[in-house]
Each structure stands twice: as structure tokens, then as C-alpha cells.
PDB file of N, CA and C in Angstrom:
ATOM      1  N   UNK A   1      51.207  53.279 -17.233  1.00  0.00           N
ATOM      2  CA  UNK A   1      51.748  52.138 -16.976  1.00  0.00           C
ATOM      3  C   UNK A   1      50.318  51.902 -15.817  1.00  0.00           C
ATOM      4  N   UNK A   2      49.419  50.903 -16.359  1.00  0.00           N
ATOM      5  CA  UNK A   2      48.558  50.540 -15.158  1.00  0.00           C
ATOM      6  C   UNK A   2      48.603  50.618 -13.826  1.00  0.00           C
ATOM      7  N   UNK A   3      47.537  51.100 -13.359  1.00  0.00           N
ATOM      8  CA  UNK A   3      47.411  50.512 -11.661  1.00  0.00           C
ATOM      9  C   UNK A   3      46.977  50.041 -11.346  1.00  0.00           C
ATOM     10  N   UNK A   4      47.607  49.134 -10.238  1.00  0.00           N
ATOM     11  CA  UNK A   4      46.336  47.688  -9.595  1.00  0.00           C
ATOM     12  C   UNK A   4      45.848  48.024  -8.172  1.00  0.00           C
ATOM     13  N   UNK A   5      44.728  48.311  -7.920  1.00  0.00           N
ATOM     14  CA  UNK A   5      44.795  48.195  -6.756  1.00  0.00           C
ATOM     15  C   UNK A   5      44.652  46.912  -5.706  1.00  0.00           C
ATOM     16  N   UNK A   6      45.204  46.973  -4.453  1.00  0.00           N
ATOM     17  CA  UNK A   6      45.752  45.770  -3.870  1.00  0.00           C
ATOM     18  C   UNK A   6      44.674  45.756  -2.851  1.00  0.00           C
ATOM     19  N   UNK A   7      43.971  44.584  -2.346  1.00  0.00           N
ATOM     20  CA  UNK A   7      42.899  44.792  -1.388  1.00  0.00           C
ATOM     21  C   UNK A   7      43.027  43.084  -0.975  1.00  0.00           C
ATOM     22  N   UNK A   8      42.852  43.253   0.431  1.00  0.00           N
ATOM     23  CA  UNK A   8      42.999  41.942   1.156  1.00  0.00           C
ATOM     24  C   UNK A   8      41.846  41.785   2.311  1.00  0.00           C
ATOM     25  N   UNK A   9      40.843  40.858   2.878  1.00  0.00           N
ATOM     26  CA  UNK A   9      40.529  40.865   3.753  1.00  0.00           C
ATOM     27  C   UNK A   9      40.902  40.551   5.060  1.00  0.00           C
ATOM     28  N   UNK A  10      42.621  40.130   4.750  1.00  0.00           N
ATOM     29  CA  UNK A  10      43.592  40.032   5.717  1.00  0.00           C
ATOM     30  C   UNK A  10      43.847  40.997   6.506  1.00  0.00           C
ATOM     31  N   UNK A  11      43.797  42.101   6.255  1.00  0.00           N
ATOM     32  CA  UNK A  11      44.502  43.548   6.138  1.00  0.00           C
ATOM     33  C   UNK A  11      43.095  44.223   6.728  1.00  0.00           C
ATOM     34  N   UNK A  12      42.942  45.480   7.397  1.00  0.00           N
ATOM     35  CA  UNK A  12      41.658  46.105   7.979  1.00  0.00           C
ATOM     36  C   UNK A  12      40.966  46.790   6.550  1.00  0.00           C
ATOM     37  N   UNK A  13      39.803  46.832   6.575  1.00  0.00           N
ATOM     38  CA  UNK A  13      39.709  47.512   5.337  1.00  0.00           C
ATOM     39  C   UNK A  13      39.741  49.113   5.460  1.00  0.00           C
ATOM     40  N   UNK A  14      39.967  49.801   3.961  1.00  0.00           N
ATOM     41  CA  UNK A  14      40.054  51.060   4.362  1.00  0.00           C
ATOM     42  C   UNK A  14      38.849  51.952   4.797  1.00  0.00           C
ATOM     43  N   UNK A  15      39.458  53.065   5.581  1.00  0.00           N
ATOM     44  CA  UNK A  15      38.294  53.916   6.405  1.00  0.00           C
ATOM     45  C   UNK A  15      38.370  55.188   6.367  1.00  0.00           C
ATOM     46  N   UNK A  16      38.737  55.277   4.825  1.00  0.00           N
ATOM     47  CA  UNK A  16      38.920  56.426   3.940  1.00  0.00           C
ATOM     48  C   UNK A  16      38.972  56.389   2.724  1.00  0.00           C
ATOM     49  N   UNK A  17      39.336  57.460   2.059  1.00  0.00           N
ATOM     50  CA  UNK A  17      39.393  57.268   0.568  1.00  0.00           C
ATOM     51  C   UNK A  17      41.211  56.623   0.245  1.00  0.00           C
ATOM     52  N   UNK A  18      41.198  55.633   0.507  1.00  0.00           N
ATOM     53  CA  UNK A  18      42.125  55.292   0.179  1.00  0.00           C
ATOM     54  C   UNK A  18      41.832  53.776  -0.265  1.00  0.00           C
ATOM     55  N   UNK A  19      43.267  53.341  -1.050  1.00  0.00           N
ATOM     56  CA  UNK A  19      43.746  51.382  -1.055  1.00  0.00           C
ATOM     57  C   UNK A  19      44.253  51.074   0.219  1.00  0.00           C
ATOM     58  N   UNK A  20      44.355  49.935   0.099  1.00  0.00           N
ATOM     59  CA  UNK A  20      45.394  49.336   1.106  1.00  0.00           C
ATOM     60  C   UNK A  20      46.968  49.059   0.162  1.00  0.00           C
ATOM     61  N   UNK A  21      46.347  49.032  -0.803  1.00  0.00           N
ATOM     62  CA  UNK A  21      47.943  49.251  -1.689  1.00  0.00           C
ATOM     63  C   UNK A  21      47.701  49.543  -3.281  1.00  0.00           C
ATOM     64  N   UNK A  22      48.561  50.182  -3.986  1.00  0.00           N
ATOM     65  CA  UNK A  22      48.635  50.218  -5.207  1.00  0.00           C
ATOM     66  C   UNK A  22      49.708  49.569  -5.946  1.00  0.00           C
ATOM     67  N   UNK A  23      49.912  48.907  -6.853  1.00  0.00           N
ATOM     68  CA  UNK A  23      50.961  48.542  -7.709  1.00  0.00           C
ATOM     69  C   UNK A  23      50.894  48.709  -8.712  1.00  0.00           C
ATOM     70  N   UNK A  24      51.867  49.508  -9.224  1.00  0.00           N
ATOM     71  CA  UNK A  24      52.349  50.256 -10.227  1.00  0.00           C
ATOM     72  C   UNK A  24      53.821  49.547 -11.201  1.00  0.00           C
ATOM     73  N   UNK A  25      53.398  48.664 -11.914  1.00  0.00           N
ATOM     74  CA  UNK A  25      54.924  48.088 -12.461  1.00  0.00           C
ATOM     75  C   UNK A  25      55.282  47.059 -11.297  1.00  0.00           C
ATOM     76  N   UNK A  26      56.227  46.806 -10.936  1.00  0.00           N
ATOM     77  CA  UNK A  26      56.932  45.865  -9.672  1.00  0.00           C
ATOM     78  C   UNK A  26      56.949  46.594  -8.607  1.00  0.00           C
ATOM     79  N   UNK A  27      56.344  48.247  -8.595  1.00  0.00           N
ATOM     80  CA  UNK A  27      56.650  48.798  -7.018  1.00  0.00           C
ATOM     81  C   UNK A  27      55.259  48.984  -6.524  1.00  0.00           C
ATOM     82  N   UNK A  28      55.357  48.395  -4.974  1.00  0.00           N
ATOM     83  CA  UNK A  28      53.536  48.214  -4.469  1.00  0.00           C
ATOM     84  C   UNK A  28      54.059  49.261  -3.540  1.00  0.00           C
ATOM     85  N   UNK A  29      52.991  50.386  -3.147  1.00  0.00           N
ATOM     86  CA  UNK A  29      52.992  51.930  -2.529  1.00  0.00           C
ATOM     87  C   UNK A  29      51.796  51.087  -1.623  1.00  0.00           C
ATOM     88  N   UNK A  30      52.368  50.561  -0.371  1.00  0.00           N
ATOM     89  CA  UNK A  30      52.010  50.052   0.598  1.00  0.00           C
ATOM     90  C   UNK A  30      50.914  51.697   1.391  1.00  0.00           C
ATOM     91  N   UNK A  31      49.530  51.499   1.741  1.00  0.00           N
ATOM     92  CA  UNK A  31      49.209  52.395   2.777  1.00  0.00           C
ATOM     93  C   UNK A  31      49.156  52.536   4.360  1.00  0.00           C
ATOM     94  N   UNK A  32      49.955  53.739   4.877  1.00  0.00           N
ATOM     95  CA  UNK A  32      49.567  53.134   6.223  1.00  0.00           C
ATOM     96  C   UNK A  32      48.757  52.515   7.000  1.00  0.00           C
ATOM     97  N   UNK A  33      49.321  51.583   7.776  1.00  0.00           N
ATOM     98  CA  UNK A  33      48.567  50.286   8.317  1.00  0.00           C
ATOM     99  C   UNK A  33      48.599  50.767  10.263  1.00  0.00           C
ATOM    100  N   UNK A  34      47.250  50.823  10.622  1.00  0.00           N
ATOM    101  CA  UNK A  34      47.479  51.175  11.972  1.00  0.00           C
ATOM    102  C   UNK A  34      47.311  49.246  12.974  1.00  0.00           C
ATOM    103  N   UNK A  35      46.772  49.567  14.089  1.00  0.00           N
ATOM    104  CA  UNK A  35      46.774  48.266  14.802  1.00  0.00           C
ATOM    105  C   UNK A  35      45.387  47.965  14.944  1.00  0.00           C
ATOM    106  N   UNK A  36      44.577  48.051  14.181  1.00  0.00           N
ATOM    107  CA  UNK A  36      42.825  47.048  13.951  1.00  0.00           C
ATOM    108  C   UNK A  36      43.237  46.307  13.615  1.00  0.00           C
ATOM    109  N   UNK A  37      42.333  44.958  13.830  1.00  0.00           N
ATOM    110  CA  UNK A  37      42.144  44.062  14.272  1.00  0.00           C
ATOM    111  C   UNK A  37      41.538  43.788  12.699  1.00  0.00           C
ATOM    112  N   UNK A  38      41.778  43.486  10.871  1.00  0.00           N
ATOM    113  CA  UNK A  38      41.141  42.939  10.123  1.00  0.00           C
ATOM    114  C   UNK A  38      39.130  42.494  10.154  1.00  0.00           C
ATOM    115  N   UNK A  39      39.291  41.901  10.716  1.00  0.00           N
ATOM    116  CA  UNK A  39      37.808  40.765  11.265  1.00  0.00           C
ATOM    117  C   UNK A  39      36.779  41.628  12.163  1.00  0.00           C
ATOM    118  N   UNK A  40      37.796  42.450  13.530  1.00  0.00           N
ATOM    119  CA  UNK A  40      36.894  43.236  14.450  1.00  0.00           C
ATOM    120  C   UNK A  40      36.794  44.735  14.050  1.00  0.00           C
ATOM    121  N   UNK A  41      37.926  45.200  13.453  1.00  0.00           N
ATOM    122  CA  UNK A  41      37.956  46.890  13.098  1.00  0.00           C
ATOM    123  C   UNK A  41      38.193  47.466  14.597  1.00  0.00           C
ATOM    124  N   UNK A  42      38.499  46.438  15.518  1.00  0.00           N
ATOM    125  CA  UNK A  42      39.051  46.974  16.525  1.00  0.00           C
ATOM    126  C   UNK A  42      40.339  47.348  17.099  1.00  0.00           C
ATOM    127  N   UNK A  43      40.804  48.150  17.402  1.00  0.00           N
ATOM    128  CA  UNK A  43      42.680  48.459  17.818  1.00  0.00           C
ATOM    129  C   UNK A  43      43.141  47.160  19.191  1.00  0.00           C
ATOM    130  N   UNK A  44      44.240  47.414  18.991  1.00  0.00           N
ATOM    131  CA  UNK A  44      45.006  46.358  19.235  1.00  0.00           C
ATOM    132  C   UNK A  44      45.184  47.123  20.952  1.00  0.00           C
ATOM    133  N   UNK A  45      44.652  46.466  21.954  1.00  0.00           N
ATOM    134  CA  UNK A  45      45.567  47.170  23.391  1.00  0.00           C
ATOM    135  C   UNK A  45      46.867  47.154  23.883  1.00  0.00           C
ATOM    136  N   UNK A  46      47.416  48.464  23.390  1.00  0.00           N
ATOM    137  CA  UNK A  46      48.679  48.695  24.287  1.00  0.00           C
ATOM    138  C   UNK A  46      49.612  48.678  22.780  1.00  0.00           C
ATOM    139  N   UNK A  47      50.847  49.348  23.315  1.00  0.00           N
ATOM    140  CA  UNK A  47      52.134  49.461  22.196  1.00  0.00           C
ATOM    141  C   UNK A  47      52.261  47.989  21.614  1.00  0.00           C
ATOM    142  N   UNK A  48      52.786  47.439  22.078  1.00  0.00           N
ATOM    143  CA  UNK A  48      53.191  45.943  22.049  1.00  0.00           C
ATOM    144  C   UNK A  48      52.316  45.309  20.943  1.00  0.00           C
ATOM    145  N   UNK A  49      51.342  45.151  21.338  1.00  0.00           N
ATOM    146  CA  UNK A  49      49.996  44.308  20.292  1.00  0.00           C
ATOM    147  C   UNK A  49      50.143  45.714  19.366  1.00  0.00           C
ATOM    148  N   UNK A  50      49.712  46.791  18.925  1.00  0.00           N
ATOM    149  CA  UNK A  50      49.538  47.430  18.097  1.00  0.00           C
ATOM    150  C   UNK A  50      50.692  47.122  17.001  1.00  0.00           C
ATOM    151  N   UNK A  51      52.009  47.426  17.519  1.00  0.00           N
ATOM    152  CA  UNK A  51      53.464  47.125  16.806  1.00  0.00           C
ATOM    153  C   UNK A  51      52.920  45.892  16.090  1.00  0.00           C
ATOM    154  N   UNK A  52      52.598  44.828  16.541  1.00  0.00           N
ATOM    155  CA  UNK A  52      52.846  43.570  16.040  1.00  0.00           C
ATOM    156  C   UNK A  52      51.438  43.360  14.835  1.00  0.00           C
ATOM    157  N   UNK A  53      50.235  44.021  15.133  1.00  0.00           N
ATOM    158  CA  UNK A  53      49.092  43.914  14.508  1.00  0.00           C
ATOM    159  C   UNK A  53      49.291  44.807  13.201  1.00  0.00           C
ATOM    160  N   UNK A  54      49.852  45.953  13.521  1.00  0.00           N
ATOM    161  CA  UNK A  54      50.773  46.485  12.423  1.00  0.00           C
ATOM    162  C   UNK A  54      51.254  45.861  11.493  1.00  0.00           C
ATOM    163  N   UNK A  55      52.401  45.194  11.808  1.00  0.00           N
ATOM    164  CA  UNK A  55      52.885  44.800  11.144  1.00  0.00           C
ATOM    165  C   UNK A  55      52.338  43.427  10.070  1.00  0.00           C
ATOM    166  N   UNK A  56      51.533  42.866  10.611  1.00  0.00           N
ATOM    167  CA  UNK A  56      50.907  41.386  10.431  1.00  0.00           C
ATOM    168  C   UNK A  56      50.169  42.226   9.316  1.00  0.00           C
ATOM    169  N   UNK A  57      49.350  43.242   9.459  1.00  0.00           N
ATOM    170  CA  UNK A  57      48.306  43.885   8.694  1.00  0.00           C
ATOM    171  C   UNK A  57      49.313  44.123   7.462  1.00  0.00           C
ATOM    172  N   UNK A  58      50.232  44.985   7.009  1.00  0.00           N
ATOM    173  CA  UNK A  58      51.601  44.917   6.072  1.00  0.00           C
ATOM    174  C   UNK A  58      51.421  43.943   5.508  1.00  0.00           C
ATOM    175  N   UNK A  59      51.913  42.937   6.810  1.00  0.00           N
ATOM    176  CA  UNK A  59      52.250  41.358   6.207  1.00  0.00           C
ATOM    177  C   UNK A  59      51.225  41.037   4.787  1.00  0.00           C
ATOM    178  N   UNK A  60      50.055  41.231   5.346  1.00  0.00           N
ATOM    179  CA  UNK A  60      49.181  40.638   4.583  1.00  0.00           C
ATOM    180  C   UNK A  60      48.398  41.790   3.363  1.00  0.00           C
ATOM    181  N   UNK A  61      49.230  42.650   3.168  1.00  0.00           N
ATOM    182  CA  UNK A  61      48.994  43.393   2.383  1.00  0.00           C
ATOM    183  C   UNK A  61      49.908  43.215   1.122  1.00  0.00           C
ATOM    184  N   UNK A  62      51.202  42.922   1.972  1.00  0.00           N
ATOM    185  CA  UNK A  62      52.474  42.335   0.941  1.00  0.00           C
ATOM    186  C   UNK A  62      52.436  41.301   0.138  1.00  0.00           C
ATOM    187  N   UNK A  63      51.382  40.375   0.884  1.00  0.00           N
ATOM    188  CA  UNK A  63      51.226  39.162   0.597  1.00  0.00           C
ATOM    189  C   UNK A  63      50.253  39.076  -1.118  1.00  0.00           C
ATOM    190  N   UNK A  64      49.079  39.603  -0.440  1.00  0.00           N
ATOM    191  CA  UNK A  64      48.106  40.187  -1.362  1.00  0.00           C
ATOM    192  C   UNK A  64      48.591  40.568  -2.474  1.00  0.00           C
ATOM    193  N   UNK A  65      49.571  41.390  -2.095  1.00  0.00           N
ATOM    194  CA  UNK A  65      50.676  42.204  -3.704  1.00  0.00           C
ATOM    195  C   UNK A  65      51.377  40.911  -4.551  1.00  0.00           C
ATOM    196  N   UNK A  66      51.640  39.952  -3.937  1.00  0.00           N
ATOM    197  CA  UNK A  66      52.649  38.830  -4.333  1.00  0.00           C
ATOM    198  C   UNK A  66      53.880  39.186  -3.932  1.00  0.00           C
ATOM    199  N   UNK A  67      53.882  39.569  -3.050  1.00  0.00           N
ATOM    200  CA  UNK A  67      55.230  39.806  -1.896  1.00  0.00           C
ATOM    201  C   UNK A  67      55.651  39.590  -0.692  1.00  0.00           C
ATOM    202  N   UNK A  68      56.339  39.965  -0.172  1.00  0.00           N
ATOM    203  CA  UNK A  68      56.618  40.158   1.269  1.00  0.00           C
ATOM    204  C   UNK A  68      57.154  40.876   1.950  1.00  0.00           C
ATOM    205  N   UNK A  69      57.138  40.994   3.661  1.00  0.00           N
ATOM    206  CA  UNK A  69      57.908  42.253   4.139  1.00  0.00           C
ATOM    207  C   UNK A  69      59.175  42.494   3.845  1.00  0.00           C
ATOM    208  N   UNK A  70      59.742  41.744   3.398  1.00  0.00           N
ATOM    209  CA  UNK A  70      61.407  41.573   2.934  1.00  0.00           C
ATOM    210  C   UNK A  70      61.840  42.404   1.407  1.00  0.00           C
ATOM    211  N   UNK A  71      60.747  42.765   0.646  1.00  0.00           N
ATOM    212  CA  UNK A  71      60.810  43.403  -0.327  1.00  0.00           C
ATOM    213  C   UNK A  71      60.219  44.792  -0.225  1.00  0.00           C
ATOM    214  N   UNK A  72      59.870  44.766   1.165  1.00  0.00           N
ATOM    215  CA  UNK A  72      60.172  46.688   1.534  1.00  0.00           C
ATOM    216  C   UNK A  72      61.779  47.453   1.144  1.00  0.00           C
ATOM    217  N   UNK A  73      61.822  48.457  -0.042  1.00  0.00           N
ATOM    218  CA  UNK A  73      62.758  49.737   0.444  1.00  0.00           C
ATOM    219  C   UNK A  73      62.608  50.912   0.980  1.00  0.00           C
ATOM    220  N   UNK A  74      61.303  50.656   1.565  1.00  0.00           N
ATOM    221  CA  UNK A  74      61.118  52.312   2.388  1.00  0.00           C
ATOM    222  C   UNK A  74      60.086  51.636   3.109  1.00  0.00           C
ATOM    223  N   UNK A  75      60.363  52.189   4.412  1.00  0.00           N
ATOM    224  CA  UNK A  75      59.337  52.500   5.706  1.00  0.00           C
ATOM    225  C   UNK A  75      59.692  53.627   5.972  1.00  0.00           C
ATOM    226  N   UNK A  76      58.105  53.790   6.656  1.00  0.00           N
ATOM    227  CA  UNK A  76      57.993  55.017   7.500  1.00  0.00           C
ATOM    228  C   UNK A  76      57.248  54.696   8.455  1.00  0.00           C
ATOM    229  N   UNK A  77      57.516  55.208  10.194  1.00  0.00           N
ATOM    230  CA  UNK A  77      56.672  54.768  10.966  1.00  0.00           C
ATOM    231  C   UNK A  77      56.651  55.663  11.609  1.00  0.00           C
ATOM    232  N   UNK A  78      55.402  56.070  12.274  1.00  0.00           N
ATOM    233  CA  UNK A  78      54.801  57.372  12.560  1.00  0.00           C
ATOM    234  C   UNK A  78      54.077  56.855  14.207  1.00  0.00           C
ATOM    235  N   UNK A  79      55.115  57.430  15.338  1.00  0.00           N
ATOM    236  CA  UNK A  79      54.396  56.981  16.334  1.00  0.00           C
ATOM    237  C   UNK A  79      53.985  58.440  17.357  1.00  0.00           C
ATOM    238  N   UNK A  80      53.083  58.359  18.505  1.00  0.00           N
ATOM    239  CA  UNK A  80      52.831  59.114  19.337  1.00  0.00           C
ATOM    240  C   UNK A  80      53.361  59.784  20.307  1.00  0.00           C
ATOM    241  N   UNK A  81      54.570  58.625  20.421  1.00  0.00           N
ATOM    242  CA  UNK A  81      55.613  58.595  21.483  1.00  0.00           C
ATOM    243  C   UNK A  81      56.692  58.156  21.166  1.00  0.00           C
ATOM    244  N   UNK A  82      57.807  58.981  20.631  1.00  0.00           N
ATOM    245  CA  UNK A  82      58.954  58.317  19.833  1.00  0.00           C
ATOM    246  C   UNK A  82      60.067  57.455  20.843  1.00  0.00           C
ATOM    247  N   UNK A  83      59.464  57.297  22.399  1.00  0.00           N
ATOM    248  CA  UNK A  83      59.820  56.321  23.270  1.00  0.00           C
ATOM    249  C   UNK A  83      59.375  55.032  22.744  1.00  0.00           C
ATOM    250  N   UNK A  84      58.370  54.761  22.294  1.00  0.00           N
ATOM    251  CA  UNK A  84      58.579  53.368  21.429  1.00  0.00           C
ATOM    252  C   UNK A  84      59.718  52.778  20.468  1.00  0.00           C
ATOM    253  N   UNK A  85      60.224  53.490  19.987  1.00  0.00           N
ATOM    254  CA  UNK A  85      60.774  53.302  18.862  1.00  0.00           C
ATOM    255  C   UNK A  85      61.783  51.850  19.162  1.00  0.00           C
ATOM    256  N   UNK A  86      62.284  51.926  20.546  1.00  0.00           N
ATOM    257  CA  UNK A  86      63.033  50.794  20.670  1.00  0.00           C
ATOM    258  C   UNK A  86      62.615  49.438  20.251  1.00  0.00           C
ATOM    259  N   UNK A  87      60.848  49.520  20.385  1.00  0.00           N
ATOM    260  CA  UNK A  87      59.692  48.258  20.972  1.00  0.00           C
ATOM    261  C   UNK A  87      59.908  48.377  19.362  1.00  0.00           C
ATOM    262  N   UNK A  88      59.519  48.882  18.372  1.00  0.00           N
ATOM    263  CA  UNK A  88      59.351  48.775  17.594  1.00  0.00           C
ATOM    264  C   UNK A  88      60.332  48.240  15.881  1.00  0.00           C
ATOM    265  N   UNK A  89      61.702  48.722  16.810  1.00  0.00           N
ATOM    266  CA  UNK A  89      62.910  48.164  16.094  1.00  0.00           C
ATOM    267  C   UNK A  89      62.973  46.429  16.727  1.00  0.00           C
ATOM    268  N   UNK A  90      62.482  46.291  17.847  1.00  0.00           N
ATOM    269  CA  UNK A  90      62.522  44.709  18.254  1.00  0.00           C
ATOM    270  C   UNK A  90      61.763  44.176  17.650  1.00  0.00           C
ATOM    271  N   UNK A  91      60.626  44.262  17.275  1.00  0.00           N
ATOM    272  CA  UNK A  91      59.274  43.745  16.580  1.00  0.00           C
ATOM    273  C   UNK A  91      59.990  43.360  14.927  1.00  0.00           C
ATOM    274  N   UNK A  92      60.175  44.873  14.515  1.00  0.00           N
ATOM    275  CA  UNK A  92      60.759  45.233  12.838  1.00  0.00           C
ATOM    276  C   UNK A  92      61.868  43.714  12.681  1.00  0.00           C
ATOM    277  N   UNK A  93      62.449  43.813  13.690  1.00  0.00           N
ATOM    278  CA  UNK A  93      63.665  42.652  13.260  1.00  0.00           C
ATOM    279  C   UNK A  93      63.113  41.328  13.366  1.00  0.00           C
ATOM    280  N   UNK A  94      61.951  40.928  13.770  1.00  0.00           N
ATOM    281  CA  UNK A  94      61.655  39.280  13.377  1.00  0.00           C
ATOM    282  C   UNK A  94      60.431  39.525  12.700  1.00  0.00           C
ATOM    283  N   UNK A  95      59.969  40.346  11.916  1.00  0.00           N
ATOM    284  CA  UNK A  95      59.437  40.426  10.061  1.00  0.00           C
ATOM    285  C   UNK A  95      60.258  40.519   9.105  1.00  0.00           C
ATOM    286  N   UNK A  96      61.296  41.092   9.512  1.00  0.00           N
ATOM    287  CA  UNK A  96      62.361  41.862   8.428  1.00  0.00           C
ATOM    288  C   UNK A  96      63.580  40.802   8.301  1.00  0.00           C
ATOM    289  N   UNK A  97      63.743  40.761   7.404  1.00  0.00           N
ATOM    290  CA  UNK A  97      65.531  40.149   7.458  1.00  0.00           C
ATOM    291  C   UNK A  97      66.643  41.091   7.036  1.00  0.00           C
ATOM    292  N   UNK A  98      67.604  41.074   7.028  1.00  0.00           N
ATOM    293  CA  UNK A  98      69.008  41.962   6.512  1.00  0.00           C
ATOM    294  C   UNK A  98      68.778  42.010   5.272  1.00  0.00           C
ATOM    295  N   UNK A  99      69.347  42.373   4.402  1.00  0.00           N
ATOM    296  CA  UNK A  99      69.712  43.896   4.651  1.00  0.00           C
ATOM    297  C   UNK A  99      68.579  44.579   4.975  1.00  0.00           C
ATOM    298  N   UNK A 100      67.878  45.441   5.652  1.00  0.00           N
ATOM    299  CA  UNK A 100      66.759  46.309   5.890  1.00  0.00           C
ATOM    300  C   UNK A 100      66.309  47.439   4.945  1.00  0.00           C
ATOM    301  N   UNK A 101      65.027  47.782   4.981  1.00  0.00           N
ATOM    302  CA  UNK A 101      64.661  48.840   3.886  1.00  0.00           C
ATOM    303  C   UNK A 101      65.083  50.044   4.457  1.00  0.00           C
ATOM    304  N   UNK A 102      65.239  51.111   3.765  1.00  0.00           N
ATOM    305  CA  UNK A 102      65.349  52.545   4.514  1.00  0.00           C
ATOM    306  C   UNK A 102      64.155  52.682   5.079  1.00  0.00           C
ATOM    307  N   UNK A 103      64.321  53.431   6.001  1.00  0.00           N
ATOM    308  CA  UNK A 103      63.178  53.821   6.855  1.00  0.00           C
ATOM    309  C   UNK A 103      63.595  55.472   7.745  1.00  0.00           C
ATOM    310  N   UNK A 104      61.752  55.313   7.812  1.00  0.00           N
ATOM    311  CA  UNK A 104      62.329  57.285   8.487  1.00  0.00           C
ATOM    312  C   UNK A 104      61.318  56.708   9.892  1.00  0.00           C
ATOM    313  N   UNK A 105      61.279  57.702  11.394  1.00  0.00           N
ATOM    314  CA  UNK A 105      60.890  57.485  11.958  1.00  0.00           C
ATOM    315  C   UNK A 105      60.073  58.928  12.566  1.00  0.00           C
ATOM    316  N   UNK A 106      59.028  59.245  12.558  1.00  0.00           N
ATOM    317  CA  UNK A 106      58.485  60.479  12.918  1.00  0.00           C
ATOM    318  C   UNK A 106      57.483  60.354  13.908  1.00  0.00           C
ATOM    319  N   UNK A 107      57.727  61.505  15.038  1.00  0.00           N
ATOM    320  CA  UNK A 107      57.067  61.937  15.882  1.00  0.00           C
ATOM    321  C   UNK A 107      55.825  62.415  15.650  1.00  0.00           C
ATOM    322  N   UNK A 108      54.600  62.053  15.836  1.00  0.00           N
ATOM    323  CA  UNK A 108      53.202  62.352  15.372  1.00  0.00           C
ATOM    324  C   UNK A 108      52.227  63.100  16.638  1.00  0.00           C
ATOM    325  N   UNK A 109      51.191  63.969  17.156  1.00  0.00           N
ATOM    326  CA  UNK A 109      50.915  64.367  17.911  1.00  0.00           C
ATOM    327  C   UNK A 109      49.392  63.025  18.107  1.00  0.00           C
ATOM    328  N   UNK A 110      48.920  62.632  17.073  1.00  0.00           N
ATOM    329  CA  UNK A 110      48.153  62.072  17.353  1.00  0.00           C
ATOM    330  C   UNK A 110      47.807  61.162  15.555  1.00  0.00           C
ATOM    331  N   UNK A 111      47.301  60.082  15.979  1.00  0.00           N
ATOM    332  CA  UNK A 111      47.233  58.989  14.918  1.00  0.00           C
ATOM    333  C   UNK A 111      45.632  58.832  14.690  1.00  0.00           C
ATOM    334  N   UNK A 112      45.043  58.346  13.506  1.00  0.00           N
ATOM    335  CA  UNK A 112      43.300  58.045  13.219  1.00  0.00           C
ATOM    336  C   UNK A 112      43.049  56.688  14.292  1.00  0.00           C
ATOM    337  N   UNK A 113      41.905  57.142  14.887  1.00  0.00           N
ATOM    338  CA  UNK A 113      41.134  55.797  15.920  1.00  0.00           C
ATOM    339  C   UNK A 113      41.995  55.939  17.647  1.00  0.00           C
ATOM    340  N   UNK A 114      43.152  56.912  17.598  1.00  0.00           N
ATOM    341  CA  UNK A 114      43.567  57.177  18.575  1.00  0.00           C
ATOM    342  C   UNK A 114      44.935  55.868  18.830  1.00  0.00           C
ATOM    343  N   UNK A 115      45.377  55.596  17.721  1.00  0.00           N
ATOM    344  CA  UNK A 115      46.299  54.783  17.271  1.00  0.00           C
ATOM    345  C   UNK A 115      47.134  55.226  18.204  1.00  0.00           C
ATOM    346  N   UNK A 116      48.435  54.022  18.468  1.00  0.00           N
ATOM    347  CA  UNK A 116      49.417  54.470  19.155  1.00  0.00           C
ATOM    348  C   UNK A 116      51.139  55.060  18.118  1.00  0.00           C
ATOM    349  N   UNK A 117      50.823  54.165  16.783  1.00  0.00           N
ATOM    350  CA  UNK A 117      51.768  53.781  15.912  1.00  0.00           C
ATOM    351  C   UNK A 117      51.027  53.339  14.617  1.00  0.00           C
ATOM    352  N   UNK A 118      51.441  53.683  13.766  1.00  0.00           N
ATOM    353  CA  UNK A 118      51.365  53.439  11.964  1.00  0.00           C
ATOM    354  C   UNK A 118      52.327  53.445  11.153  1.00  0.00           C
ATOM    355  N   UNK A 119      52.819  52.241  10.432  1.00  0.00           N
ATOM    356  CA  UNK A 119      53.558  51.816   9.531  1.00  0.00           C
ATOM    357  C   UNK A 119      53.384  52.038   7.902  1.00  0.00           C
ATOM    358  N   UNK A 120      53.581  52.542   7.201  1.00  0.00           N
ATOM    359  CA  UNK A 120      53.566  52.243   5.579  1.00  0.00           C
ATOM    360  C   UNK A 120      54.795  51.703   4.997  1.00  0.00           C
ATOM    361  N   UNK A 121      54.767  51.644   4.106  1.00  0.00           N
ATOM    362  CA  UNK A 121      55.993  51.072   3.081  1.00  0.00           C
ATOM    363  C   UNK A 121      56.218  51.135   1.426  1.00  0.00           C
ATOM    364  N   UNK A 122      57.118  51.012   0.915  1.00  0.00           N
ATOM    365  CA  UNK A 122      57.005  50.671  -0.201  1.00  0.00           C
ATOM    366  C   UNK A 122      58.285  49.509  -1.016  1.00  0.00           C
ATOM    367  N   UNK A 123      57.033  49.008  -1.745  1.00  0.00           N
ATOM    368  CA  UNK A 123      57.666  47.646  -1.711  1.00  0.00           C
ATOM    369  C   UNK A 123      58.261  47.337  -3.197  1.00  0.00           C
ATOM    370  N   UNK A 124      59.246  46.635  -3.659  1.00  0.00           N
ATOM    371  CA  UNK A 124      59.697  46.747  -5.029  1.00  0.00           C
ATOM    372  C   UNK A 124      60.067  45.289  -5.320  1.00  0.00           C
ATOM    373  N   UNK A 125      58.959  44.574  -6.185  1.00  0.00           N
ATOM    374  CA  UNK A 125      59.114  43.351  -6.299  1.00  0.00           C
ATOM    375  C   UNK A 125      59.746  42.733  -7.661  1.00  0.00           C
ATOM    376  N   UNK A 126      60.587  41.383  -7.216  1.00  0.00           N
ATOM    377  CA  UNK A 126      61.336  41.390  -8.213  1.00  0.00           C
ATOM    378  C   UNK A 126      60.482  40.295  -9.208  1.00  0.00           C
TER     379      UNK A 126
END
């Protein structure tokens, strides 16, 4: 099956050797997003703003692939401080409808650009 590279100016440009997402068949593998503003490439200030920016970035990539965040079947959340997990839950509930995707949360020592949160996703488009 051929791979389709997903690229949108509505999410931050890749800052490494990766694509924003890769679509194979009806599956979309979204790279991790951090709280960078796609226009300025500056990090959002604080955990709440970063969570919203990350979810907005993922939403933009999902839309560029022809889907929505509600097509997510698997999400991984990386946090430099797991005490912020309740805030992630609150924000995710405003971006996703039930039934929610499978999810993992991982505490990490650090993230690129000193981000506080990173989220990736796998989408299945109908």
C-alpha cells in the first residue's frame, strides 16, 4: 500500500527527520505534537496553553488527512510532570467525543524545546 505524507501549514512544520503524519490506507499515524504555534514556531506559555495548542495542532493534522480527532483510535500523552494529567483529561474532553480512543500516559524527563506535554495519535478513517 502506498504511503501518503500529510502536511499542513496549520500545524508546526517538522523540526526533525519526520512528517507531520503518514497515511497508509485508512490509517493515519500522526507524529507527536508539542505546544508550538504554527505561525511563529514559539512555545505556548504554561501547561494549560500548551495542552490546548497541542490538541489544536493534532486537530489540524487530522483535518489535513481528511479526518477529525474523533477518528483517533490510539493516543499517547507524554508529560514532564504527571500531576498535569487531570488538565489533559479536561482539555481532551472538549476536543473528543465518546467513545474515547485507547490512550497511554507516560511521564518523561524532558521533551523537545522544553515542552511540558507532547501528544501523538493514530487515526482510522472510515
